[in-house]
Amino acid sequence: MTRGALVSGFVLAITFASAGADDKPLPAGSGRVAAKEYVEVDEKGVANARFRLRVREATPNILEIRGINGWVAFTSYDEGQKEYRGFFEWQQMGALGNPGGKWADLYQVRLVRQANGELLMTGKSKNNDFVIRAKEYGPTP
């Protein structure tokens, strides 16, 4: 897959890199993530209101995270690491595409609430990597 893929919000361009790219350590988590709506932000913290994701508590330790265009992730909380880990997939989106066919590219994900309150979600599959940064958008869904 080339750089740029459609993932969160209505249509979200995020950076994809080939598997095995230079892995940099991610910041330590600062705790649990609230069930709310979040808006994607760039590296400078500038929000793009068209690209939102919704976090719903499935159980006290499991979150369901959904992009507006159909992708879904399920994560479970790791108390020792103060972060969530789980899996991510998205369905076929017609002309908008996806990375390998209908429900074909399974990602392992890590969701971290950073000290500034922003979320950092990273994912790796056999062929691709992604990063989503987000901050709280509005009232609890």
C-alpha atoms as a PDB file:
ATOM      1  CA  MET A   1       0.000   0.000   0.000  1.00  0.00           C
ATOM      2  CA  THR A   2       1.230   3.500  -0.693  1.00  0.00           C
ATOM      3  CA  ARG A   3       1.464   6.303   1.853  1.00  0.00           C
ATOM      4  CA  GLY A   4      -1.942   7.592   2.747  1.00  0.00           C
ATOM      5  CA  ALA A   5      -4.879   5.380   3.512  1.00  0.00           C
ATOM      6  CA  LEU A   6      -8.460   5.950   4.479  1.00  0.00           C
ATOM      7  CA  VAL A   7      -9.197   5.053   8.063  1.00  0.00           C
ATOM      8  CA  SER A   8     -10.939   7.256  10.625  1.00  0.00           C
ATOM      9  CA  GLY A   9     -13.630   9.895  10.423  1.00  0.00           C
ATOM     10  CA  PHE A  10     -15.402  10.133   7.075  1.00  0.00           C
ATOM     11  CA  VAL A  11     -12.120   9.861   5.190  1.00  0.00           C
ATOM     12  CA  LEU A  12      -8.835  10.061   7.075  1.00  0.00           C
ATOM     13  CA  ALA A  13      -5.387  10.278   5.589  1.00  0.00           C
ATOM     14  CA  ILE A  14      -2.872   8.762   7.986  1.00  0.00           C
ATOM     15  CA  THR A  15       0.703   7.761   7.485  1.00  0.00           C
ATOM     16  CA  PHE A  16       1.309   4.140   6.591  1.00  0.00           C
ATOM     17  CA  ALA A  17       4.797   2.720   6.487  1.00  0.00           C
ATOM     18  CA  SER A  18       6.018  -0.648   5.408  1.00  0.00           C
ATOM     19  CA  ALA A  19       6.419  -3.298   8.084  1.00  0.00           C
ATOM     20  CA  GLY A  20       9.860  -3.263   9.635  1.00  0.00           C
ATOM     21  CA  ALA A  21      10.198   0.522   9.446  1.00  0.00           C
ATOM     22  CA  ASP A  22      12.332   2.215  12.081  1.00  0.00           C
ATOM     23  CA  ASP A  23      10.385   1.580  15.296  1.00  0.00           C
ATOM     24  CA  LYS A  24      10.667   4.361  17.856  1.00  0.00           C
ATOM     25  CA  PRO A  25       9.591   3.720  21.442  1.00  0.00           C
ATOM     26  CA  LEU A  26       6.177   5.114  22.280  1.00  0.00           C
ATOM     27  CA  PRO A  27       5.582   7.226  25.383  1.00  0.00           C
ATOM     28  CA  ALA A  28       4.377   5.480  28.507  1.00  0.00           C
ATOM     29  CA  GLY A  29       0.640   5.496  29.077  1.00  0.00           C
ATOM     30  CA  SER A  30      -0.926   7.702  31.722  1.00  0.00           C
ATOM     31  CA  GLY A  31      -4.051   5.671  32.388  1.00  0.00           C
ATOM     32  CA  ARG A  32      -7.561   4.894  31.308  1.00  0.00           C
ATOM     33  CA  VAL A  33      -9.337   6.407  28.311  1.00  0.00           C
ATOM     34  CA  ALA A  34     -12.785   7.954  28.780  1.00  0.00           C
ATOM     35  CA  ALA A  35     -15.761   6.867  26.668  1.00  0.00           C
ATOM     36  CA  LYS A  36     -16.171   9.977  24.510  1.00  0.00           C
ATOM     37  CA  GLU A  37     -15.912  11.287  21.013  1.00  0.00           C
ATOM     38  CA  TYR A  38     -12.408  12.271  19.920  1.00  0.00           C
ATOM     39  CA  VAL A  39     -11.118  14.316  17.008  1.00  0.00           C
ATOM     40  CA  GLU A  40      -7.927  13.523  15.163  1.00  0.00           C
ATOM     41  CA  VAL A  41      -5.059  15.973  15.525  1.00  0.00           C
ATOM     42  CA  ASP A  42      -1.814  16.337  13.625  1.00  0.00           C
ATOM     43  CA  GLU A  43       1.672  16.271  15.181  1.00  0.00           C
ATOM     44  CA  LYS A  44       1.262  19.941  16.204  1.00  0.00           C
ATOM     45  CA  GLY A  45      -2.111  19.344  17.898  1.00  0.00           C
ATOM     46  CA  VAL A  46      -4.215  20.986  15.182  1.00  0.00           C
ATOM     47  CA  ALA A  47      -7.625  19.303  15.064  1.00  0.00           C
ATOM     48  CA  ASN A  48      -9.485  18.213  11.939  1.00  0.00           C
ATOM     49  CA  ALA A  49     -13.168  17.985  12.937  1.00  0.00           C
ATOM     50  CA  ARG A  50     -14.020  15.830   9.892  1.00  0.00           C
ATOM     51  CA  PHE A  51     -11.970  12.951  11.337  1.00  0.00           C
ATOM     52  CA  ARG A  52     -13.544  11.701  14.524  1.00  0.00           C
ATOM     53  CA  LEU A  53     -13.573   8.470  16.441  1.00  0.00           C
ATOM     54  CA  ARG A  54     -15.893   7.235  19.144  1.00  0.00           C
ATOM     55  CA  VAL A  55     -14.753   5.330  22.200  1.00  0.00           C
ATOM     56  CA  ARG A  56     -17.316   3.190  24.014  1.00  0.00           C
ATOM     57  CA  GLU A  57     -16.714   1.162  27.150  1.00  0.00           C
ATOM     58  CA  ALA A  58     -17.736  -2.438  26.378  1.00  0.00           C
ATOM     59  CA  THR A  59     -16.711  -3.511  29.900  1.00  0.00           C
ATOM     60  CA  PRO A  60     -14.667  -1.686  32.560  1.00  0.00           C
ATOM     61  CA  ASN A  61     -11.485  -3.046  30.928  1.00  0.00           C
ATOM     62  CA  ILE A  62     -12.447  -3.329  27.241  1.00  0.00           C
ATOM     63  CA  LEU A  63     -12.963  -0.417  24.834  1.00  0.00           C
ATOM     64  CA  GLU A  64     -14.642  -0.403  21.444  1.00  0.00           C
ATOM     65  CA  ILE A  65     -13.148   2.303  19.214  1.00  0.00           C
ATOM     66  CA  ARG A  66     -14.904   3.203  15.933  1.00  0.00           C
ATOM     67  CA  GLY A  67     -14.107   5.513  13.079  1.00  0.00           C
ATOM     68  CA  ILE A  68     -17.059   7.170  11.386  1.00  0.00           C
ATOM     69  CA  ASN A  69     -16.412   5.272   8.130  1.00  0.00           C
ATOM     70  CA  GLY A  70     -16.622   1.755   9.519  1.00  0.00           C
ATOM     71  CA  TRP A  71     -13.333   0.703  11.056  1.00  0.00           C
ATOM     72  CA  VAL A  72     -13.453  -0.844  14.506  1.00  0.00           C
ATOM     73  CA  ALA A  73     -10.899  -1.724  17.176  1.00  0.00           C
ATOM     74  CA  PHE A  74     -11.288  -3.590  20.440  1.00  0.00           C
ATOM     75  CA  THR A  75      -8.703  -3.062  23.155  1.00  0.00           C
ATOM     76  CA  SER A  76      -8.213  -4.286  26.713  1.00  0.00           C
ATOM     77  CA  TYR A  77      -6.576  -2.337  29.515  1.00  0.00           C
ATOM     78  CA  ASP A  78      -3.147  -3.323  30.856  1.00  0.00           C
ATOM     79  CA  GLU A  79      -2.935  -1.875  34.386  1.00  0.00           C
ATOM     80  CA  GLY A  80       0.831  -2.432  34.631  1.00  0.00           C
ATOM     81  CA  GLN A  81       1.587  -0.548  31.409  1.00  0.00           C
ATOM     82  CA  LYS A  82      -1.269   1.996  31.779  1.00  0.00           C
ATOM     83  CA  GLU A  83      -2.326   1.380  28.154  1.00  0.00           C
ATOM     84  CA  TYR A  84      -4.712  -0.600  25.989  1.00  0.00           C
ATOM     85  CA  ARG A  85      -3.804  -3.315  23.505  1.00  0.00           C
ATOM     86  CA  GLY A  86      -6.008  -5.057  21.015  1.00  0.00           C
ATOM     87  CA  PHE A  87      -6.968  -5.490  17.366  1.00  0.00           C
ATOM     88  CA  PHE A  88      -8.237  -3.339  14.490  1.00  0.00           C
ATOM     89  CA  GLU A  89      -9.905  -4.056  11.130  1.00  0.00           C
ATOM     90  CA  TRP A  90     -12.005  -2.157   8.653  1.00  0.00           C
ATOM     91  CA  GLN A  91     -14.474  -3.229   6.036  1.00  0.00           C
ATOM     92  CA  GLN A  92     -14.393  -2.782   2.278  1.00  0.00           C
ATOM     93  CA  MET A  93     -15.199   0.838   1.420  1.00  0.00           C
ATOM     94  CA  GLY A  94     -15.907   0.649  -2.321  1.00  0.00           C
ATOM     95  CA  ALA A  95     -13.834   3.071  -4.363  1.00  0.00           C
ATOM     96  CA  LEU A  96     -12.190   4.333  -1.168  1.00  0.00           C
ATOM     97  CA  GLY A  97     -10.510   0.956  -0.784  1.00  0.00           C
ATOM     98  CA  ASN A  98      -8.743  -0.728   2.094  1.00  0.00           C
ATOM     99  CA  PRO A  99      -5.378  -2.464   2.458  1.00  0.00           C
ATOM    100  CA  GLY A 100      -6.148  -5.890   1.095  1.00  0.00           C
ATOM    101  CA  GLY A 101      -9.780  -6.669   0.513  1.00  0.00           C
ATOM    102  CA  LYS A 102     -12.818  -7.191   2.676  1.00  0.00           C
ATOM    103  CA  TRP A 103     -11.760  -7.498   6.333  1.00  0.00           C
ATOM    104  CA  ALA A 104      -8.405  -8.744   5.102  1.00  0.00           C
ATOM    105  CA  ASP A 105      -5.778  -6.807   7.053  1.00  0.00           C
ATOM    106  CA  LEU A 106      -5.773  -7.432  10.824  1.00  0.00           C
ATOM    107  CA  TYR A 107      -3.755  -4.980  12.925  1.00  0.00           C
ATOM    108  CA  GLN A 108      -2.426  -5.314  16.454  1.00  0.00           C
ATOM    109  CA  VAL A 109      -2.990  -1.948  18.131  1.00  0.00           C
ATOM    110  CA  ARG A 110      -1.793  -0.015  21.145  1.00  0.00           C
ATOM    111  CA  LEU A 111      -3.857   2.851  22.591  1.00  0.00           C
ATOM    112  CA  VAL A 112      -2.160   5.211  25.032  1.00  0.00           C
ATOM    113  CA  ARG A 113      -3.560   8.213  26.878  1.00  0.00           C
ATOM    114  CA  GLN A 114      -0.650  10.616  27.063  1.00  0.00           C
ATOM    115  CA  ALA A 115       0.082  12.983  29.961  1.00  0.00           C
ATOM    116  CA  ASN A 116      -1.455  15.906  27.991  1.00  0.00           C
ATOM    117  CA  GLY A 117      -4.736  13.958  27.672  1.00  0.00           C
ATOM    118  CA  GLU A 118      -4.338  13.202  23.966  1.00  0.00           C
ATOM    119  CA  LEU A 119      -4.717   9.673  22.618  1.00  0.00           C
ATOM    120  CA  LEU A 120      -2.079   7.929  20.568  1.00  0.00           C
ATOM    121  CA  MET A 121      -3.190   4.820  18.693  1.00  0.00           C
ATOM    122  CA  THR A 122      -0.633   2.821  16.749  1.00  0.00           C
ATOM    123  CA  GLY A 123      -1.175  -0.315  14.727  1.00  0.00           C
ATOM    124  CA  LYS A 124       0.853  -2.907  12.867  1.00  0.00           C
ATOM    125  CA  SER A 125      -0.241  -5.575  10.441  1.00  0.00           C
ATOM    126  CA  LYS A 126       1.777  -7.958   8.311  1.00  0.00           C
ATOM    127  CA  ASN A 127       2.091  -5.274   5.614  1.00  0.00           C
ATOM    128  CA  ASN A 128       1.381  -1.856   7.145  1.00  0.00           C
ATOM    129  CA  ASP A 129       1.670   0.436  10.164  1.00  0.00           C
ATOM    130  CA  PHE A 130      -0.478   3.396  11.190  1.00  0.00           C
ATOM    131  CA  VAL A 131      -0.602   6.188  13.773  1.00  0.00           C
ATOM    132  CA  ILE A 132      -3.679   8.135  14.903  1.00  0.00           C
ATOM    133  CA  ARG A 133      -3.455  11.060  17.331  1.00  0.00           C
ATOM    134  CA  ALA A 134      -6.668  12.422  18.855  1.00  0.00           C
ATOM    135  CA  LYS A 135      -8.021  14.682  21.574  1.00  0.00           C
ATOM    136  CA  GLU A 136     -11.438  14.968  23.225  1.00  0.00           C
ATOM    137  CA  TYR A 137     -14.011  16.480  20.902  1.00  0.00           C
ATOM    138  CA  GLY A 138     -17.226  17.066  22.754  1.00  0.00           C
ATOM    139  CA  PRO A 139     -19.709  15.660  25.235  1.00  0.00           C
ATOM    140  CA  THR A 140     -19.764  11.966  26.085  1.00  0.00           C
ATOM    141  CA  PRO A 141     -21.562  10.054  23.278  1.00  0.00           C
END
